[in-house]
Protein backbone atom coordinates (compact mmCIF):
# COMPACT_ATOMS: atom_id res chain seq x y z
CA MET A 1 155.42 53.62 -97.44
CA ASP A 2 157.55 56.32 -98.93
CA LYS A 3 159.67 56.14 -101.83
CA HIS A 4 163.06 55.11 -100.69
CA SER A 5 161.12 52.28 -99.10
CA GLU A 6 159.47 51.39 -101.89
CA ASN A 7 162.63 51.02 -104.16
CA PHE A 8 164.15 49.08 -101.50
CA GLU A 9 161.32 46.64 -102.03
CA LYS A 10 161.79 46.42 -105.28
CA MET A 11 165.15 45.43 -105.29
CA LYS A 12 164.90 42.78 -102.77
CA ALA A 13 161.56 41.38 -104.97
CA GLN A 14 163.62 41.60 -107.82
CA LEU A 15 166.82 39.98 -106.13
CA HIS A 16 164.48 37.05 -104.54
CA GLU A 17 163.33 36.28 -108.31
CA GLN A 18 166.99 35.58 -109.28
CA GLY A 19 167.44 33.29 -106.52
CA TYR A 20 168.84 35.15 -103.70
CA HIS A 21 168.02 34.73 -99.72
CA GLU A 22 167.96 37.28 -97.52
CA LYS A 23 169.83 37.49 -94.52
CA ASP A 24 169.09 41.18 -91.89
CA VAL A 25 171.67 42.85 -89.89
CA THR A 26 170.45 45.97 -89.06
CA ILE A 27 170.51 47.41 -85.52
CA THR A 28 168.41 50.71 -83.93
CA SER A 29 170.16 54.00 -85.11
CA GLY A 30 170.27 54.56 -81.07
CA LYS A 31 172.30 51.43 -80.31
CA ALA A 32 174.62 51.92 -83.37
CA MET A 33 175.69 55.40 -81.64
CA ILE A 34 175.86 53.73 -78.19
CA LEU A 35 177.73 50.83 -79.45
CA GLY A 36 179.76 52.89 -82.07
CA VAL A 37 181.43 55.08 -79.27
CA PHE A 38 183.28 51.76 -78.00
CA TYR A 39 184.29 50.92 -81.68
CA ALA A 40 185.48 54.28 -82.34
CA LEU A 41 186.80 54.66 -78.22
CA PRO A 42 190.93 52.55 -79.23
CA PHE A 43 191.47 55.09 -81.76
CA VAL A 44 190.58 58.27 -79.45
CA ILE A 45 192.62 56.76 -76.95
CA ILE A 46 195.60 55.88 -78.82
CA PHE A 47 195.65 59.08 -80.86
CA GLY A 48 194.56 61.03 -77.88
CA LEU A 49 197.71 59.76 -75.88
CA LEU A 50 199.88 60.64 -78.77
CA TYR A 51 198.94 64.00 -78.90
CA ARG A 52 198.68 64.09 -75.39
CA PHE A 53 202.66 63.33 -74.62
CA LEU A 54 204.30 64.36 -78.29
CA LEU A 55 201.93 67.12 -79.30
CA VAL A 56 200.14 69.43 -76.42
CA GLU A 57 203.62 71.01 -75.89
CA ARG A 58 203.34 73.09 -79.35
CA ALA A 59 199.57 72.89 -79.52
CA TYR A 60 197.59 75.93 -80.19
CA LEU A 61 195.24 75.86 -77.17
CA LEU A 62 191.87 78.35 -77.29
CA GLU A 63 191.09 79.78 -74.39
CA VAL A 64 187.42 79.26 -74.98
CA SER A 65 184.56 78.10 -72.55
CA GLY A 66 180.89 78.33 -71.92
CA LEU A 67 179.01 79.63 -74.66
CA SER A 68 181.63 80.21 -77.37
CA PHE A 69 183.26 76.41 -76.61
CA TYR A 70 180.14 75.16 -77.34
CA ILE A 71 179.56 77.06 -80.67
CA ILE A 72 182.99 75.82 -81.91
CA PHE A 73 181.89 72.02 -80.70
CA ILE A 74 178.37 72.36 -82.46
CA ALA A 75 180.40 74.09 -85.32
CA ILE A 76 182.81 70.86 -85.65
CA ILE A 77 180.02 68.53 -85.76
CA ALA A 78 177.99 70.16 -87.93
CA ILE A 79 180.70 70.13 -90.78
CA SER A 80 181.58 66.77 -89.89
CA VAL A 81 178.83 65.58 -90.37
CA VAL A 82 177.80 66.87 -93.65
CA ILE A 83 181.25 65.78 -95.00
CA HIS A 84 181.04 62.41 -93.26
CA GLU A 85 177.84 61.72 -95.35
CA LEU A 86 179.08 63.10 -98.78
CA LEU A 87 182.29 60.96 -98.58
CA HIS A 88 180.08 57.54 -98.00
CA GLY A 89 178.31 59.18 -100.93
CA VAL A 90 181.88 59.30 -102.92
CA GLY A 91 182.86 55.83 -101.88
CA TRP A 92 179.78 53.65 -103.15
CA ALA A 93 179.57 56.33 -106.31
CA VAL A 94 182.96 55.25 -107.10
CA ALA A 95 183.18 51.58 -105.94
CA SER A 96 180.00 50.99 -107.69
CA GLY A 97 181.29 52.15 -111.05
CA LYS A 98 177.60 53.72 -111.59
CA GLY A 99 178.37 57.54 -109.91
CA TRP A 100 175.69 59.55 -108.22
CA ASN A 101 172.60 57.38 -109.48
CA VAL A 102 173.41 54.99 -106.67
CA VAL A 103 173.13 57.33 -104.12
CA ARG A 104 170.82 58.96 -102.11
CA PHE A 105 170.86 61.52 -99.60
CA ASN A 106 168.55 62.39 -97.35
CA ILE A 107 167.54 64.37 -93.83
CA ASN A 108 165.96 63.14 -91.00
CA ALA A 109 165.15 64.66 -87.75
CA MET A 110 167.66 67.93 -89.02
CA MET A 111 170.23 64.86 -89.36
CA PRO A 112 172.04 64.44 -93.05
CA SER A 113 172.46 60.70 -94.16
CA CYS A 114 173.55 59.02 -97.18
CA ALA A 115 172.18 55.38 -98.37
CA CYS A 116 172.98 53.25 -101.45
CA LYS A 117 170.35 52.29 -103.44
CA VAL A 118 171.72 49.37 -104.98
CA ALA A 119 173.02 45.78 -103.59
CA LEU A 120 176.84 46.18 -104.08
CA GLU A 121 179.29 43.19 -103.74
CA LYS A 122 180.99 43.14 -100.29
CA LYS A 123 184.33 45.08 -101.05
CA SER A 124 182.49 47.89 -102.97
CA TYR A 125 180.10 48.12 -99.73
CA LEU A 126 182.73 48.04 -97.46
CA PHE A 127 184.72 51.11 -99.57
CA GLY A 128 181.74 53.17 -99.30
CA VAL A 129 180.81 52.47 -95.49
CA LEU A 130 184.51 53.21 -94.54
CA THR A 131 185.59 56.30 -96.71
CA PRO A 132 184.67 58.76 -94.03
CA PHE A 133 186.56 56.47 -90.97
CA VAL A 134 190.02 56.72 -93.60
CA VAL A 135 189.55 60.10 -94.94
CA LEU A 136 188.34 62.30 -92.11
CA GLY A 137 189.57 59.99 -89.15
CA PHE A 138 193.07 59.65 -90.47
CA GLY A 139 192.88 63.18 -92.19
CA SER A 140 192.05 64.78 -88.55
CA VAL A 141 195.24 62.72 -87.45
CA PHE A 142 197.01 63.99 -90.21
CA PHE A 143 195.83 67.55 -89.63
CA ILE A 144 196.53 67.47 -85.72
CA PHE A 145 200.12 66.21 -86.19
CA ILE A 146 200.45 69.48 -88.45
CA TYR A 147 198.57 71.58 -86.46
CA PRO A 148 197.85 70.53 -83.25
CA GLY A 149 195.32 72.56 -80.85
CA THR A 150 192.05 72.44 -79.56
CA VAL A 151 190.27 72.54 -82.61
CA SER A 152 191.99 69.79 -84.59
CA PHE A 153 191.84 68.04 -81.22
CA LEU A 154 188.28 68.15 -81.19
CA THR A 155 187.82 67.56 -84.94
CA MET A 156 189.49 63.81 -84.60
CA ILE A 157 187.29 63.06 -81.98
CA VAL A 158 184.12 63.81 -83.50
CA ASN A 159 185.70 62.56 -86.63
CA PHE A 160 186.32 58.99 -85.16
CA ILE A 161 183.23 58.69 -83.15
CA SER A 162 180.79 59.37 -86.11
CA ALA A 163 182.42 56.98 -87.71
CA GLY A 164 181.50 54.02 -84.96
CA ALA A 165 178.39 53.02 -86.51
CA ASP A 166 180.29 52.63 -89.56
CA LEU A 167 183.10 50.37 -87.84
CA ILE A 168 180.20 48.34 -86.29
CA ILE A 169 178.46 47.75 -90.19
CA ALA A 170 182.08 47.34 -91.61
CA CYS A 171 183.06 44.69 -88.73
CA ASN A 172 179.88 42.72 -89.91
CA VAL A 173 180.10 42.86 -93.36
CA LEU A 174 183.57 41.18 -92.83
CA LYS A 175 182.11 38.39 -91.63
CA GLU A 176 179.81 37.65 -94.66
CA ARG A 177 180.73 35.32 -97.22
CA ASP A 178 180.08 36.04 -100.74
CA SER A 179 177.07 38.13 -101.06
CA LEU A 180 175.52 41.12 -102.20
CA ILE A 181 175.03 43.55 -99.61
CA ALA A 182 172.32 46.59 -99.92
CA ASP A 183 172.10 49.30 -97.77
CA HIS A 184 169.30 49.51 -95.66
CA PRO A 185 166.98 52.97 -96.20
CA LYS A 186 166.04 53.52 -92.57
CA GLU A 187 168.05 51.44 -90.14
CA ALA A 188 171.90 51.53 -89.53
CA GLY A 189 173.14 48.38 -91.67
CA TYR A 190 172.31 46.23 -94.36
CA ILE A 191 170.74 43.06 -95.94
CA ALA A 192 173.03 40.52 -97.23
CA PHE A 193 171.93 38.17 -100.09
CA TYR A 194 173.04 35.19 -100.98
CA LYS A 195 172.56 32.50 -103.38
């Protein structure tokens, strides 16, 4: 068992001692990615249609194809993912009131990830989960209206799709009654603790 899982198990044991019962609300990363696309799709469609009908006439469209297109697309994904995970950390650091001490950044299979190391109240946990969706997703929409074009359009799509799993988690958290929510250290999702 690695250090992060060990710390997570200690936190669970402490909460059990305080009389909490747990409810596991996790899904596999693969399922989170696939379902996340469906959760993000309405935003991509709505803002994609707005772009198509209101902005494409003044859009800066890049004449790129083949390898150049893929390099640009991969760069957008790489930059967006790093900022996305950093924003989770900022959200939890702010919402917990405890700063960066509650945040853990990690790299798995060359992909950065962020987890909250402590159990938080529902609102605080949601704040951290949804920070990238709000900041990057709607920030991309704002940017596309100022500077419509290929890069801004691709960035908007990437930012909404990458927040899809966060939307799944947020929808599940909203269904919980008063509880403490602990970010799972390995899986997509959380453990809810009830008294």
